[in-house]
C-alpha atoms as a PDB file:
ATOM      1  CA  UNK A   1     120.849  95.628 127.540  1.00  0.00           C
ATOM      2  CA  UNK A   2     119.799  94.693 123.936  1.00  0.00           C
ATOM      3  CA  UNK A   3     121.024  91.456 122.424  1.00  0.00           C
ATOM      4  CA  UNK A   4     124.243  91.799 120.349  1.00  0.00           C
ATOM      5  CA  UNK A   5     123.355  92.582 116.850  1.00  0.00           C
ATOM      6  CA  UNK A   6     125.106  91.941 113.738  1.00  0.00           C
ATOM      7  CA  UNK A   7     127.749  94.788 112.968  1.00  0.00           C
ATOM      8  CA  UNK A   8     126.860  96.650 109.716  1.00  0.00           C
ATOM      9  CA  UNK A   9     129.461  96.937 107.078  1.00  0.00           C
ATOM     10  CA  UNK A  10     130.391  99.852 104.883  1.00  0.00           C
ATOM     11  CA  UNK A  11     128.402 100.039 101.553  1.00  0.00           C
ATOM     12  CA  UNK A  12     130.242 100.710  98.290  1.00  0.00           C
ATOM     13  CA  UNK A  13     128.294 102.499  95.562  1.00  0.00           C
ATOM     14  CA  UNK A  14     128.801 104.826  92.909  1.00  0.00           C
ATOM     15  CA  UNK A  15     129.147 108.552  93.202  1.00  0.00           C
ATOM     16  CA  UNK A  16     125.614 109.095  91.689  1.00  0.00           C
ATOM     17  CA  UNK A  17     123.701 106.947  94.024  1.00  0.00           C
ATOM     18  CA  UNK A  18     121.428 108.654  96.590  1.00  0.00           C
ATOM     19  CA  UNK A  19     119.507 107.334  99.298  1.00  0.00           C
ATOM     20  CA  UNK A  20     116.528 108.723 101.354  1.00  0.00           C
ATOM     21  CA  UNK A  21     118.141 107.820 104.772  1.00  0.00           C
ATOM     22  CA  UNK A  22     120.375 109.960 106.991  1.00  0.00           C
ATOM     23  CA  UNK A  23     121.433 110.125 110.541  1.00  0.00           C
ATOM     24  CA  UNK A  24     122.565 113.309 112.328  1.00  0.00           C
ATOM     25  CA  UNK A  25     123.438 114.448 115.827  1.00  0.00           C
ATOM     26  CA  UNK A  26     123.300 117.758 117.946  1.00  0.00           C
ATOM     27  CA  UNK A  27     125.257 117.789 121.048  1.00  0.00           C
ATOM     28  CA  UNK A  28     128.089 119.370 123.035  1.00  0.00           C
ATOM     29  CA  UNK A  29     131.370 117.369 123.361  1.00  0.00           C
ATOM     30  CA  UNK A  30     135.010 117.456 124.233  1.00  0.00           C
ATOM     31  CA  UNK A  31     137.607 117.598 121.489  1.00  0.00           C
ATOM     32  CA  UNK A  32     141.080 116.404 122.152  1.00  0.00           C
ATOM     33  CA  UNK A  33     144.086 115.788 120.023  1.00  0.00           C
ATOM     34  CA  UNK A  34     144.254 114.491 116.457  1.00  0.00           C
ATOM     35  CA  UNK A  35     145.727 114.526 112.993  1.00  0.00           C
ATOM     36  CA  UNK A  36     145.388 116.938 110.064  1.00  0.00           C
ATOM     37  CA  UNK A  37     145.915 116.597 106.501  1.00  0.00           C
ATOM     38  CA  UNK A  38     145.312 119.283 103.963  1.00  0.00           C
ATOM     39  CA  UNK A  39     143.045 121.016 106.395  1.00  0.00           C
ATOM     40  CA  UNK A  40     140.974 118.042 107.086  1.00  0.00           C
ATOM     41  CA  UNK A  41     141.082 117.367 110.858  1.00  0.00           C
ATOM     42  CA  UNK A  42     140.486 114.032 112.480  1.00  0.00           C
ATOM     43  CA  UNK A  43     140.171 114.510 116.121  1.00  0.00           C
ATOM     44  CA  UNK A  44     139.421 112.450 119.299  1.00  0.00           C
ATOM     45  CA  UNK A  45     136.059 113.357 121.012  1.00  0.00           C
ATOM     46  CA  UNK A  46     134.205 112.374 124.029  1.00  0.00           C
ATOM     47  CA  UNK A  47     130.543 112.427 124.148  1.00  0.00           C
ATOM     48  CA  UNK A  48     128.149 112.188 127.219  1.00  0.00           C
ATOM     49  CA  UNK A  49     124.953 110.442 127.116  1.00  0.00           C
ATOM     50  CA  UNK A  50     121.783 111.020 129.020  1.00  0.00           C
ATOM     51  CA  UNK A  51     123.266 109.269 132.102  1.00  0.00           C
ATOM     52  CA  UNK A  52     126.340 111.547 131.915  1.00  0.00           C
ATOM     53  CA  UNK A  53     128.674 108.433 130.829  1.00  0.00           C
ATOM     54  CA  UNK A  54     131.256 109.387 128.501  1.00  0.00           C
ATOM     55  CA  UNK A  55     131.785 107.486 125.121  1.00  0.00           C
ATOM     56  CA  UNK A  56     134.806 107.852 122.997  1.00  0.00           C
ATOM     57  CA  UNK A  57     134.470 108.871 119.176  1.00  0.00           C
ATOM     58  CA  UNK A  58     135.995 110.725 116.486  1.00  0.00           C
ATOM     59  CA  UNK A  59     135.180 114.189 114.802  1.00  0.00           C
ATOM     60  CA  UNK A  60     135.964 114.856 111.281  1.00  0.00           C
ATOM     61  CA  UNK A  61     135.853 118.483 110.061  1.00  0.00           C
ATOM     62  CA  UNK A  62     137.325 120.840 107.488  1.00  0.00           C
ATOM     63  CA  UNK A  63     138.904 123.921 108.707  1.00  0.00           C
ATOM     64  CA  UNK A  64     141.895 126.295 107.902  1.00  0.00           C
ATOM     65  CA  UNK A  65     143.134 126.494 111.392  1.00  0.00           C
ATOM     66  CA  UNK A  66     143.460 123.322 113.887  1.00  0.00           C
ATOM     67  CA  UNK A  67     140.614 123.535 116.438  1.00  0.00           C
ATOM     68  CA  UNK A  68     141.866 123.955 120.028  1.00  0.00           C
ATOM     69  CA  UNK A  69     141.138 121.559 122.593  1.00  0.00           C
ATOM     70  CA  UNK A  70     138.078 122.109 124.793  1.00  0.00           C
ATOM     71  CA  UNK A  71     134.257 121.871 124.753  1.00  0.00           C
ATOM     72  CA  UNK A  72     132.278 122.385 121.618  1.00  0.00           C
ATOM     73  CA  UNK A  73     128.807 122.536 120.322  1.00  0.00           C
ATOM     74  CA  UNK A  74     128.010 120.817 117.011  1.00  0.00           C
ATOM     75  CA  UNK A  75     124.622 121.093 115.144  1.00  0.00           C
ATOM     76  CA  UNK A  76     123.220 118.554 112.693  1.00  0.00           C
ATOM     77  CA  UNK A  77     126.539 116.692 112.048  1.00  0.00           C
ATOM     78  CA  UNK A  78     126.286 113.482 110.144  1.00  0.00           C
ATOM     79  CA  UNK A  79     126.599 110.581 112.412  1.00  0.00           C
ATOM     80  CA  UNK A  80     128.192 107.343 111.610  1.00  0.00           C
ATOM     81  CA  UNK A  81     128.353 104.299 113.732  1.00  0.00           C
ATOM     82  CA  UNK A  82     130.731 101.442 114.309  1.00  0.00           C
ATOM     83  CA  UNK A  83     132.960 103.251 115.319  1.00  0.00           C
ATOM     84  CA  UNK A  84     131.060 106.525 116.393  1.00  0.00           C
ATOM     85  CA  UNK A  85     132.101 109.340 113.993  1.00  0.00           C
ATOM     86  CA  UNK A  86     130.815 112.866 113.630  1.00  0.00           C
ATOM     87  CA  UNK A  87     131.428 114.621 110.234  1.00  0.00           C
ATOM     88  CA  UNK A  88     131.175 118.413 110.268  1.00  0.00           C
ATOM     89  CA  UNK A  89     130.980 119.639 106.763  1.00  0.00           C
ATOM     90  CA  UNK A  90     130.641 123.300 107.583  1.00  0.00           C
ATOM     91  CA  UNK A  91     132.798 125.191 110.242  1.00  0.00           C
ATOM     92  CA  UNK A  92     129.640 127.297 111.201  1.00  0.00           C
ATOM     93  CA  UNK A  93     128.123 124.000 112.472  1.00  0.00           C
ATOM     94  CA  UNK A  94     130.628 123.796 115.291  1.00  0.00           C
ATOM     95  CA  UNK A  95     131.137 126.454 118.069  1.00  0.00           C
ATOM     96  CA  UNK A  96     133.933 126.572 120.699  1.00  0.00           C
ATOM     97  CA  UNK A  97     132.673 126.994 124.260  1.00  0.00           C
ATOM     98  CA  UNK A  98     134.643 129.303 126.239  1.00  0.00           C
ATOM     99  CA  UNK A  99     136.545 128.353 129.200  1.00  0.00           C
ATOM    100  CA  UNK A 100     134.571 130.669 131.554  1.00  0.00           C
ATOM    101  CA  UNK A 101     131.284 128.792 130.798  1.00  0.00           C
ATOM    102  CA  UNK A 102     132.220 125.239 129.741  1.00  0.00           C
ATOM    103  CA  UNK A 103     131.689 123.630 132.825  1.00  0.00           C
ATOM    104  CA  UNK A 104     135.391 123.045 133.966  1.00  0.00           C
ATOM    105  CA  UNK A 105     134.488 125.130 137.128  1.00  0.00           C
ATOM    106  CA  UNK A 106     131.392 123.665 138.558  1.00  0.00           C
ATOM    107  CA  UNK A 107     130.984 126.453 141.195  1.00  0.00           C
ATOM    108  CA  UNK A 108     131.084 129.173 138.573  1.00  0.00           C
ATOM    109  CA  UNK A 109     127.578 130.668 138.333  1.00  0.00           C
ATOM    110  CA  UNK A 110     127.712 131.447 134.785  1.00  0.00           C
ATOM    111  CA  UNK A 111     128.482 127.855 133.621  1.00  0.00           C
ATOM    112  CA  UNK A 112     126.309 126.347 130.938  1.00  0.00           C
ATOM    113  CA  UNK A 113     124.249 123.375 131.611  1.00  0.00           C
ATOM    114  CA  UNK A 114     125.300 120.071 129.881  1.00  0.00           C
ATOM    115  CA  UNK A 115     123.259 119.370 126.776  1.00  0.00           C
ATOM    116  CA  UNK A 116     121.754 115.979 126.097  1.00  0.00           C
ATOM    117  CA  UNK A 117     122.977 114.377 122.767  1.00  0.00           C
ATOM    118  CA  UNK A 118     119.971 114.587 120.385  1.00  0.00           C
ATOM    119  CA  UNK A 119     119.897 112.366 117.362  1.00  0.00           C
ATOM    120  CA  UNK A 120     117.472 112.622 114.341  1.00  0.00           C
ATOM    121  CA  UNK A 121     117.359 110.680 111.088  1.00  0.00           C
ATOM    122  CA  UNK A 122     115.587 108.434 108.666  1.00  0.00           C
ATOM    123  CA  UNK A 123     115.997 104.694 108.232  1.00  0.00           C
ATOM    124  CA  UNK A 124     114.590 101.182 107.791  1.00  0.00           C
ATOM    125  CA  UNK A 125     113.156  99.457 110.895  1.00  0.00           C
ATOM    126  CA  UNK A 126     114.337  95.960 111.351  1.00  0.00           C
ATOM    127  CA  UNK A 127     114.527  93.248 114.073  1.00  0.00           C
ATOM    128  CA  UNK A 128     111.291  94.528 115.844  1.00  0.00           C
ATOM    129  CA  UNK A 129     110.716  92.813 119.171  1.00  0.00           C
ATOM    130  CA  UNK A 130     107.399  91.002 119.604  1.00  0.00           C
ATOM    131  CA  UNK A 131     106.350  93.431 122.323  1.00  0.00           C
ATOM    132  CA  UNK A 132     107.171  96.263 119.639  1.00  0.00           C
ATOM    133  CA  UNK A 133     108.955  98.188 122.262  1.00  0.00           C
ATOM    134  CA  UNK A 134     112.532  97.613 120.764  1.00  0.00           C
ATOM    135  CA  UNK A 135     113.866  97.644 117.397  1.00  0.00           C
ATOM    136  CA  UNK A 136     116.982  98.510 115.335  1.00  0.00           C
ATOM    137  CA  UNK A 137     117.133 101.245 112.692  1.00  0.00           C
ATOM    138  CA  UNK A 138     119.556 101.070 109.759  1.00  0.00           C
ATOM    139  CA  UNK A 139     120.319 103.143 106.742  1.00  0.00           C
ATOM    140  CA  UNK A 140     123.020 104.901 104.602  1.00  0.00           C
ATOM    141  CA  UNK A 141     124.467 108.215 105.624  1.00  0.00           C
ATOM    142  CA  UNK A 142     126.580 110.481 103.439  1.00  0.00           C
ATOM    143  CA  UNK A 143     129.655 111.598 105.183  1.00  0.00           C
ATOM    144  CA  UNK A 144     131.878 113.564 102.547  1.00  0.00           C
ATOM    145  CA  UNK A 145     133.437 113.113  99.172  1.00  0.00           C
ATOM    146  CA  UNK A 146     136.263 110.795 100.700  1.00  0.00           C
ATOM    147  CA  UNK A 147     134.122 108.524 102.666  1.00  0.00           C
ATOM    148  CA  UNK A 148     130.943 108.669 100.567  1.00  0.00           C
ATOM    149  CA  UNK A 149     128.186 106.645 101.897  1.00  0.00           C
ATOM    150  CA  UNK A 150     128.384 104.441 105.018  1.00  0.00           C
ATOM    151  CA  UNK A 151     125.790 102.182 106.582  1.00  0.00           C
ATOM    152  CA  UNK A 152     124.698 102.944 110.194  1.00  0.00           C
ATOM    153  CA  UNK A 153     122.868 100.925 112.687  1.00  0.00           C
ATOM    154  CA  UNK A 154     121.424 101.978 116.114  1.00  0.00           C
ATOM    155  CA  UNK A 155     119.247 100.619 118.739  1.00  0.00           C
ATOM    156  CA  UNK A 156     115.723 102.070 119.402  1.00  0.00           C
ATOM    157  CA  UNK A 157     113.799 101.643 122.541  1.00  0.00           C
ATOM    158  CA  UNK A 158     111.309 103.475 124.872  1.00  0.00           C
ATOM    159  CA  UNK A 159     112.158 105.029 128.192  1.00  0.00           C
ATOM    160  CA  UNK A 160     110.637 103.363 131.237  1.00  0.00           C
ATOM    161  CA  UNK A 161     108.015 106.090 131.794  1.00  0.00           C
ATOM    162  CA  UNK A 162     104.223 106.097 131.984  1.00  0.00           C
ATOM    163  CA  UNK A 163     104.190 108.553 129.007  1.00  0.00           C
ATOM    164  CA  UNK A 164     105.680 105.956 126.593  1.00  0.00           C
ATOM    165  CA  UNK A 165     103.514 103.034 127.799  1.00  0.00           C
ATOM    166  CA  UNK A 166     101.086 103.301 124.696  1.00  0.00           C
ATOM    167  CA  UNK A 167     103.831 103.757 122.239  1.00  0.00           C
ATOM    168  CA  UNK A 168     104.651 101.004 119.799  1.00  0.00           C
ATOM    169  CA  UNK A 169     107.082 100.320 117.135  1.00  0.00           C
ATOM    170  CA  UNK A 170     105.805 100.268 113.479  1.00  0.00           C
ATOM    171  CA  UNK A 171     106.204  97.052 111.537  1.00  0.00           C
ATOM    172  CA  UNK A 172     109.628  95.837 110.256  1.00  0.00           C
ATOM    173  CA  UNK A 173     110.804  96.899 106.955  1.00  0.00           C
ATOM    174  CA  UNK A 174     109.007 100.355 107.565  1.00  0.00           C
ATOM    175  CA  UNK A 175     110.718 103.579 106.490  1.00  0.00           C
ATOM    176  CA  UNK A 176     110.664 105.704 109.677  1.00  0.00           C
ATOM    177  CA  UNK A 177     111.824 109.216 110.726  1.00  0.00           C
ATOM    178  CA  UNK A 178     112.856 109.230 114.531  1.00  0.00           C
ATOM    179  CA  UNK A 179     114.045 111.672 117.065  1.00  0.00           C
ATOM    180  CA  UNK A 180     115.554 110.740 120.349  1.00  0.00           C
ATOM    181  CA  UNK A 181     118.442 111.089 122.941  1.00  0.00           C
ATOM    182  CA  UNK A 182     121.551 108.915 123.282  1.00  0.00           C
ATOM    183  CA  UNK A 183     121.023 106.868 126.297  1.00  0.00           C
ATOM    184  CA  UNK A 184     123.983 104.533 126.323  1.00  0.00           C
ATOM    185  CA  UNK A 185     126.326 102.397 124.123  1.00  0.00           C
ATOM    186  CA  UNK A 186     126.328  98.652 123.938  1.00  0.00           C
ATOM    187  CA  UNK A 187     129.228  96.346 124.063  1.00  0.00           C
ATOM    188  CA  UNK A 188     129.557  95.916 120.446  1.00  0.00           C
ATOM    189  CA  UNK A 189     129.577  99.646 119.974  1.00  0.00           C
ATOM    190  CA  UNK A 190     125.930 100.138 118.930  1.00  0.00           C
ATOM    191  CA  UNK A 191     124.325 103.339 120.265  1.00  0.00           C
ATOM    192  CA  UNK A 192     121.330 103.091 122.308  1.00  0.00           C
ATOM    193  CA  UNK A 193     118.503 105.663 121.786  1.00  0.00           C
ATOM    194  CA  UNK A 194     115.469 106.680 123.861  1.00  0.00           C
ATOM    195  CA  UNK A 195     112.722 107.638 121.308  1.00  0.00           C
ATOM    196  CA  UNK A 196     111.087 110.956 121.640  1.00  0.00           C
ATOM    197  CA  UNK A 197     109.260 110.715 118.438  1.00  0.00           C
ATOM    198  CA  UNK A 198     108.803 108.334 115.571  1.00  0.00           C
ATOM    199  CA  UNK A 199     106.862 108.459 112.579  1.00  0.00           C
ATOM    200  CA  UNK A 200     106.314 105.693 109.975  1.00  0.00           C
ATOM    201  CA  UNK A 201     106.717 107.049 106.335  1.00  0.00           C
ATOM    202  CA  UNK A 202     105.734 104.021 104.481  1.00  0.00           C
ATOM    203  CA  UNK A 203     107.125 100.655 103.201  1.00  0.00           C
ATOM    204  CA  UNK A 204     110.772 100.911 102.515  1.00  0.00           C
ATOM    205  CA  UNK A 205     111.786 100.768  98.648  1.00  0.00           C
ATOM    206  CA  UNK A 206     113.007  97.519  97.368  1.00  0.00           C
ATOM    207  CA  UNK A 207     116.123  98.906  96.005  1.00  0.00           C
ATOM    208  CA  UNK A 208     117.076 100.368  99.679  1.00  0.00           C
ATOM    209  CA  UNK A 209     116.256  96.929 101.243  1.00  0.00           C
ATOM    210  CA  UNK A 210     118.508  95.145  98.912  1.00  0.00           C
ATOM    211  CA  UNK A 211     121.433  97.556  99.404  1.00  0.00           C
ATOM    212  CA  UNK A 212     121.055  97.094 103.139  1.00  0.00           C
ATOM    213  CA  UNK A 213     121.091  93.320 102.731  1.00  0.00           C
ATOM    214  CA  UNK A 214     117.249  92.852 103.517  1.00  0.00           C
ATOM    215  CA  UNK A 215     116.147  91.991 100.072  1.00  0.00           C
ATOM    216  CA  UNK A 216     114.988  88.476 101.186  1.00  0.00           C
ATOM    217  CA  UNK A 217     113.353  89.715 104.341  1.00  0.00           C
ATOM    218  CA  UNK A 218     111.187  92.277 102.515  1.00  0.00           C
ATOM    219  CA  UNK A 219     107.545  91.786 103.198  1.00  0.00           C
ATOM    220  CA  UNK A 220     104.942  91.747 100.571  1.00  0.00           C
ATOM    221  CA  UNK A 221     102.714  94.922 100.641  1.00  0.00           C
ATOM    222  CA  UNK A 222      99.001  94.600 100.874  1.00  0.00           C
ATOM    223  CA  UNK A 223      98.540  95.931  97.442  1.00  0.00           C
ATOM    224  CA  UNK A 224     100.666  93.091  95.801  1.00  0.00           C
ATOM    225  CA  UNK A 225      99.136  90.543  97.903  1.00  0.00           C
ATOM    226  CA  UNK A 226      95.453  91.517  97.018  1.00  0.00           C
ATOM    227  CA  UNK A 227      96.425  91.680  93.216  1.00  0.00           C
ATOM    228  CA  UNK A 228      97.789  87.955  93.569  1.00  0.00           C
ATOM    229  CA  UNK A 229      94.824  86.960  95.269  1.00  0.00           C
ATOM    230  CA  UNK A 230      92.586  88.385  92.481  1.00  0.00           C
ATOM    231  CA  UNK A 231      94.581  86.686  89.770  1.00  0.00           C
ATOM    232  CA  UNK A 232      94.436  83.459  91.445  1.00  0.00           C
ATOM    233  CA  UNK A 233      90.569  83.776  91.996  1.00  0.00           C
ATOM    234  CA  UNK A 234      90.198  84.741  88.356  1.00  0.00           C
ATOM    235  CA  UNK A 235      92.090  81.735  87.019  1.00  0.00           C
ATOM    236  CA  UNK A 236      89.698  79.353  89.096  1.00  0.00           C
ATOM    237  CA  UNK A 237      86.598  80.990  87.279  1.00  0.00           C
ATOM    238  CA  UNK A 238      87.583  79.692  83.756  1.00  0.00           C
ATOM    239  CA  UNK A 239      87.454  75.981  84.907  1.00  0.00           C
ATOM    240  CA  UNK A 240      84.894  74.341  82.548  1.00  0.00           C
ATOM    241  CA  UNK A 241      81.874  72.846  84.255  1.00  0.00           C
ATOM    242  CA  UNK A 242      80.403  69.736  82.961  1.00  0.00           C
ATOM    243  CA  UNK A 243      76.580  69.419  82.962  1.00  0.00           C
ATOM    244  CA  UNK A 244      75.081  66.348  84.875  1.00  0.00           C
ATOM    245  CA  UNK A 245      72.870  65.366  81.912  1.00  0.00           C
ATOM    246  CA  UNK A 246      75.802  65.570  79.440  1.00  0.00           C
ATOM    247  CA  UNK A 247      77.949  63.538  81.729  1.00  0.00           C
ATOM    248  CA  UNK A 248      75.154  60.762  81.914  1.00  0.00           C
ATOM    249  CA  UNK A 249      74.746  60.650  78.135  1.00  0.00           C
ATOM    250  CA  UNK A 250      78.457  60.452  77.617  1.00  0.00           C
ATOM    251  CA  UNK A 251      78.534  57.486  79.976  1.00  0.00           C
ATOM    252  CA  UNK A 252      75.711  55.874  77.736  1.00  0.00           C
ATOM    253  CA  UNK A 253      77.487  56.544  74.581  1.00  0.00           C
ATOM    254  CA  UNK A 254      74.975  59.062  73.241  1.00  0.00           C
ATOM    255  CA  UNK A 255      76.005  62.246  71.932  1.00  0.00           C
ATOM    256  CA  UNK A 256      73.917  65.359  71.769  1.00  0.00           C
ATOM    257  CA  UNK A 257      74.227  66.933  68.493  1.00  0.00           C
ATOM    258  CA  UNK A 258      72.281  69.881  67.214  1.00  0.00           C
ATOM    259  CA  UNK A 259      69.696  69.111  64.511  1.00  0.00           C
ATOM    260  CA  UNK A 260      70.659  69.722  60.843  1.00  0.00           C
ATOM    261  CA  UNK A 261      69.928  73.034  59.503  1.00  0.00           C
ATOM    262  CA  UNK A 262      67.435  72.904  56.430  1.00  0.00           C
ATOM    263  CA  UNK A 263      69.086  73.315  53.108  1.00  0.00           C
ATOM    264  CA  UNK A 264      67.918  76.320  50.955  1.00  0.00           C
ATOM    265  CA  UNK A 265      66.602  75.914  47.527  1.00  0.00           C
ATOM    266  CA  UNK A 266      68.782  77.885  45.207  1.00  0.00           C
ATOM    267  CA  UNK A 267      67.138  76.760  41.815  1.00  0.00           C
ATOM    268  CA  UNK A 268      63.731  75.640  40.818  1.00  0.00           C
ATOM    269  CA  UNK A 269      60.063  76.434  40.535  1.00  0.00           C
ATOM    270  CA  UNK A 270      58.007  77.548  43.543  1.00  0.00           C
ATOM    271  CA  UNK A 271      55.120  75.153  43.741  1.00  0.00           C
ATOM    272  CA  UNK A 272      53.190  76.809  46.459  1.00  0.00           C
ATOM    273  CA  UNK A 273      52.128  80.301  46.786  1.00  0.00           C
ATOM    274  CA  UNK A 274      53.791  82.528  49.366  1.00  0.00           C
ATOM    275  CA  UNK A 275      52.236  82.791  52.847  1.00  0.00           C
ATOM    276  CA  UNK A 276      50.797  86.255  52.392  1.00  0.00           C
ATOM    277  CA  UNK A 277      47.410  87.674  53.281  1.00  0.00           C
ATOM    278  CA  UNK A 278      47.121  88.892  49.635  1.00  0.00           C
ATOM    279  CA  UNK A 279      45.860  86.354  46.985  1.00  0.00           C
ATOM    280  CA  UNK A 280      48.265  85.159  44.475  1.00  0.00           C
ATOM    281  CA  UNK A 281      47.650  86.477  40.919  1.00  0.00           C
ATOM    282  CA  UNK A 282      46.146  84.215  38.359  1.00  0.00           C
ATOM    283  CA  UNK A 283      47.369  83.376  34.822  1.00  0.00           C
ATOM    284  CA  UNK A 284      43.883  83.457  32.936  1.00  0.00           C
ATOM    285  CA  UNK A 285      42.516  86.474  31.579  1.00  0.00           C
ATOM    286  CA  UNK A 286      39.167  87.785  32.318  1.00  0.00           C
ATOM    287  CA  UNK A 287      36.731  87.109  29.322  1.00  0.00           C
ATOM    288  CA  UNK A 288      35.092  90.005  27.751  1.00  0.00           C
ATOM    289  CA  UNK A 289      31.285  89.852  27.714  1.00  0.00           C
ATOM    290  CA  UNK A 290      29.992  89.841  24.237  1.00  0.00           C
END
């Protein structure tokens, strides 16, 4: 039995907000009585887990006619937790099982076998166990126009089987896609899931973590930490290095200044011939021989 987690609260957001997380369920369940307002039906339901233990929940669906009580199969219905609610947006996603094959008569040869509740979705992994065999998956799921987005939280673990011994959970704050079966329900109402597949899609976006109340728990990515390390190393390279000889001259009060550059003569008469391999022209004229 997992430790009692914190119960998630509904997340209010604008109509245009969208998230990359979802949670859906495909299973057979038993629908009982309920209420109906403007063709929107809220019905009591009972779902049976992998151990054939019943759990109460609610099914919300739109239909012109009130569904009859009995066994049904729902396909890819949006699933909310705390309490468990299934939202069927399309009447084609729910099918009534005839009484002849719904299992009410176990001795009937044509009875359908009980289906295992199958859960699939995408969410953020959190509270990962040190052994990396247990974790929680949280996220937002869109229900309908009335309820909008709500927060879900489920408990993930691996079945005690040699097949799952090498399997490990990804790191915390990872955006993961999962598939599994409902194995039970904790005392606080958290659904327990035996994983059948888990894939890490990458680091969860920062805005998604903040909307889930995990902004301060977000881990710095390897890219950001590497850039920070390079900047710190670059700032250390600009520290001036004092030469040993200059430090000794400074202690003795001697300053090393460059020699003065020679001043160019702008005006005056050149007193020396230029340094040239050709001889300088003379001022005397050659005498004519008489």
